C-alpha atoms as a PDB file:
ATOM      1  CA  UNK A   1     -73.853 -47.496  34.266  1.00  0.00           C
ATOM      2  CA  UNK A   2     -75.657 -50.179  36.416  1.00  0.00           C
ATOM      3  CA  UNK A   3     -74.942 -53.544  37.562  1.00  0.00           C
ATOM      4  CA  UNK A   4     -75.939 -55.823  35.188  1.00  0.00           C
ATOM      5  CA  UNK A   5     -75.467 -53.491  32.293  1.00  0.00           C
ATOM      6  CA  UNK A   6     -74.541 -54.705  28.778  1.00  0.00           C
ATOM      7  CA  UNK A   7     -71.286 -52.255  28.495  1.00  0.00           C
ATOM      8  CA  UNK A   8     -68.341 -52.459  25.632  1.00  0.00           C
ATOM      9  CA  UNK A   9     -64.855 -52.572  26.974  1.00  0.00           C
ATOM     10  CA  UNK A  10     -61.550 -52.100  25.885  1.00  0.00           C
ATOM     11  CA  UNK A  11     -58.128 -53.780  27.441  1.00  0.00           C
ATOM     12  CA  UNK A  12     -54.270 -52.174  27.821  1.00  0.00           C
ATOM     13  CA  UNK A  13     -51.995 -54.380  25.714  1.00  0.00           C
ATOM     14  CA  UNK A  14     -49.231 -52.087  26.354  1.00  0.00           C
ATOM     15  CA  UNK A  15     -49.339 -49.251  29.383  1.00  0.00           C
ATOM     16  CA  UNK A  16     -46.365 -47.605  28.180  1.00  0.00           C
ATOM     17  CA  UNK A  17     -47.649 -46.953  24.386  1.00  0.00           C
ATOM     18  CA  UNK A  18     -51.444 -46.948  25.685  1.00  0.00           C
ATOM     19  CA  UNK A  19     -52.123 -49.706  23.018  1.00  0.00           C
ATOM     20  CA  UNK A  20     -55.400 -50.854  23.584  1.00  0.00           C
ATOM     21  CA  UNK A  21     -57.667 -53.894  21.897  1.00  0.00           C
ATOM     22  CA  UNK A  22     -60.638 -53.294  19.696  1.00  0.00           C
ATOM     23  CA  UNK A  23     -64.202 -52.999  21.214  1.00  0.00           C
ATOM     24  CA  UNK A  24     -65.595 -56.175  23.461  1.00  0.00           C
ATOM     25  CA  UNK A  25     -69.012 -57.058  24.881  1.00  0.00           C
ATOM     26  CA  UNK A  26     -69.583 -57.848  28.280  1.00  0.00           C
ATOM     27  CA  UNK A  27     -71.848 -57.694  31.801  1.00  0.00           C
ATOM     28  CA  UNK A  28     -71.023 -55.021  34.267  1.00  0.00           C
ATOM     29  CA  UNK A  29     -70.360 -56.851  37.604  1.00  0.00           C
ATOM     30  CA  UNK A  30     -69.628 -54.002  40.047  1.00  0.00           C
ATOM     31  CA  UNK A  31     -68.421 -50.721  39.771  1.00  0.00           C
ATOM     32  CA  UNK A  32     -66.073 -48.760  42.448  1.00  0.00           C
ATOM     33  CA  UNK A  33     -65.159 -45.609  42.169  1.00  0.00           C
ATOM     34  CA  UNK A  34     -63.250 -45.828  39.209  1.00  0.00           C
ATOM     35  CA  UNK A  35     -62.779 -48.975  38.729  1.00  0.00           C
ATOM     36  CA  UNK A  36     -65.173 -51.385  36.791  1.00  0.00           C
ATOM     37  CA  UNK A  37     -65.329 -55.283  37.172  1.00  0.00           C
ATOM     38  CA  UNK A  38     -66.712 -57.192  34.107  1.00  0.00           C
ATOM     39  CA  UNK A  39     -67.702 -60.648  33.084  1.00  0.00           C
ATOM     40  CA  UNK A  40     -66.659 -61.039  29.593  1.00  0.00           C
ATOM     41  CA  UNK A  41     -68.203 -63.062  26.656  1.00  0.00           C
ATOM     42  CA  UNK A  42     -65.538 -65.688  27.202  1.00  0.00           C
ATOM     43  CA  UNK A  43     -66.523 -65.954  30.901  1.00  0.00           C
ATOM     44  CA  UNK A  44     -63.704 -64.149  32.657  1.00  0.00           C
ATOM     45  CA  UNK A  45     -63.872 -61.800  35.345  1.00  0.00           C
ATOM     46  CA  UNK A  46     -62.048 -58.788  34.614  1.00  0.00           C
ATOM     47  CA  UNK A  47     -61.212 -55.833  36.290  1.00  0.00           C
ATOM     48  CA  UNK A  48     -60.559 -52.613  34.206  1.00  0.00           C
ATOM     49  CA  UNK A  49     -60.362 -48.947  34.419  1.00  0.00           C
ATOM     50  CA  UNK A  50     -63.568 -47.296  34.103  1.00  0.00           C
ATOM     51  CA  UNK A  51     -62.466 -45.100  31.403  1.00  0.00           C
ATOM     52  CA  UNK A  52     -61.973 -47.979  29.353  1.00  0.00           C
ATOM     53  CA  UNK A  53     -65.843 -49.074  29.556  1.00  0.00           C
ATOM     54  CA  UNK A  54     -68.508 -47.768  28.134  1.00  0.00           C
ATOM     55  CA  UNK A  55     -72.652 -48.745  28.514  1.00  0.00           C
ATOM     56  CA  UNK A  56     -73.018 -50.328  25.146  1.00  0.00           C
ATOM     57  CA  UNK A  57     -76.277 -49.142  22.637  1.00  0.00           C
ATOM     58  CA  UNK A  58     -78.763 -50.504  21.150  1.00  0.00           C
ATOM     59  CA  UNK A  59     -76.485 -51.039  17.841  1.00  0.00           C
ATOM     60  CA  UNK A  60     -73.898 -53.080  19.855  1.00  0.00           C
ATOM     61  CA  UNK A  61     -75.958 -55.541  21.220  1.00  0.00           C
ATOM     62  CA  UNK A  62     -76.766 -56.645  17.523  1.00  0.00           C
ATOM     63  CA  UNK A  63     -72.889 -56.206  16.590  1.00  0.00           C
ATOM     64  CA  UNK A  64     -70.288 -58.706  17.267  1.00  0.00           C
ATOM     65  CA  UNK A  65     -67.432 -57.245  18.828  1.00  0.00           C
ATOM     66  CA  UNK A  66     -64.043 -58.303  19.394  1.00  0.00           C
END
């Protein structure tokens, strides 16, 4: 993944049970070691673990996620 890529991400709702949200789309703003900063489609800047972020494919760009 590179800065500016369309990514899909999940947020953790409960860290004890590791319950996560559905996939959402965003743009990768910065990537540092194991941390990613993602600009969500609502305009919020989110800091997430890199394991919760994936590069979005062509099918994701056409879908409405989260």
